[in-house]
Amino acid sequence: MVFEKIAALLAEKLECEATEIKMETEFSALGIDSLDVMELLMTLEEEFGTEIEMGENKVNTVAELTALIEAKLA
């Protein structure tokens, strides 16, 4: 569920199909910078009703972001 939501949001931002977004996809390959990731994170916080702290963790892939959010929701 988390991955699907991330993929849908990225697809909307990038104007592509959600099926093009894979777990191993790197944000840099999509042309997404750290500011874009933070904006995505804020949107996901609202969607899931939780606060997600990245802290020292640098998130480079869709899988890393998915794991971060799933850990917070667990």
Protein backbone atom coordinates (compact mmCIF):
# COMPACT_ATOMS: atom_id res chain seq x y z
CA MET A 1 0.00 0.00 0.00
CA VAL A 2 2.80 2.44 0.85
CA PHE A 3 4.74 1.69 -2.34
CA GLU A 4 1.62 2.07 -4.47
CA LYS A 5 0.90 5.48 -2.93
CA ILE A 6 4.49 6.65 -3.50
CA ALA A 7 4.42 5.38 -7.08
CA ALA A 8 1.11 7.15 -7.75
CA LEU A 9 2.38 10.45 -6.34
CA LEU A 10 5.62 10.23 -8.30
CA ALA A 11 3.77 9.33 -11.49
CA GLU A 12 1.51 12.34 -11.04
CA LYS A 13 4.48 14.66 -10.47
CA LEU A 14 6.47 13.23 -13.39
CA GLU A 15 3.45 12.83 -15.68
CA CYS A 16 4.13 9.15 -16.32
CA GLU A 17 2.48 5.83 -15.54
CA ALA A 18 2.77 4.49 -11.98
CA THR A 19 3.86 1.15 -13.44
CA GLU A 20 7.08 2.84 -14.59
CA ILE A 21 8.08 3.41 -10.94
CA LYS A 22 9.85 0.40 -9.42
CA MET A 23 11.10 -0.24 -5.89
CA GLU A 24 14.73 -0.04 -7.04
CA THR A 25 14.18 3.25 -8.90
CA GLU A 26 16.59 5.94 -7.75
CA PHE A 27 15.19 9.42 -7.32
CA SER A 28 18.18 10.89 -9.17
CA ALA A 29 17.26 8.77 -12.21
CA LEU A 30 13.82 10.38 -12.15
CA GLY A 31 15.29 13.87 -11.95
CA ILE A 32 14.03 14.28 -8.37
CA ASP A 33 16.23 16.13 -5.91
CA SER A 34 16.22 16.14 -2.10
CA LEU A 35 13.76 19.05 -1.98
CA ASP A 36 11.32 17.10 -4.13
CA VAL A 37 11.73 14.10 -1.81
CA MET A 38 10.93 16.30 1.20
CA GLU A 39 7.80 17.62 -0.53
CA LEU A 40 6.79 14.03 -1.29
CA LEU A 41 7.41 13.09 2.33
CA MET A 42 5.18 15.93 3.57
CA THR A 43 2.39 14.77 1.26
CA LEU A 44 2.80 11.20 2.51
CA GLU A 45 2.67 12.39 6.12
CA GLU A 46 -0.73 13.91 5.40
CA GLU A 47 -1.91 10.81 3.53
CA PHE A 48 -0.95 8.41 6.30
CA GLY A 49 -1.65 10.74 9.23
CA THR A 50 1.79 10.41 10.77
CA GLU A 51 4.99 12.40 11.18
CA ILE A 52 7.98 10.90 9.40
CA GLU A 53 11.45 12.00 10.44
CA MET A 54 14.25 11.33 8.00
CA GLY A 55 16.89 12.47 10.49
CA GLU A 56 20.36 11.45 9.35
CA ASN A 57 18.95 8.98 6.83
CA LYS A 58 19.40 9.97 3.23
CA VAL A 59 16.74 8.42 1.04
CA ASN A 60 17.95 7.63 -2.48
CA THR A 61 15.48 5.05 -3.78
CA VAL A 62 11.77 4.37 -3.74
CA ALA A 63 12.49 1.25 -1.66
CA GLU A 64 14.31 3.26 1.02
CA LEU A 65 11.45 5.74 1.26
CA THR A 66 8.90 2.92 1.39
CA ALA A 67 10.83 1.17 4.19
CA LEU A 68 11.11 4.42 6.16
CA ILE A 69 7.38 5.02 6.02
CA GLU A 70 6.42 1.39 6.69
CA ALA A 71 8.67 1.37 9.77
CA LYS A 72 6.93 4.49 11.08
CA LEU A 73 3.49 3.01 10.48
CA ALA A 74 4.32 -0.32 12.17
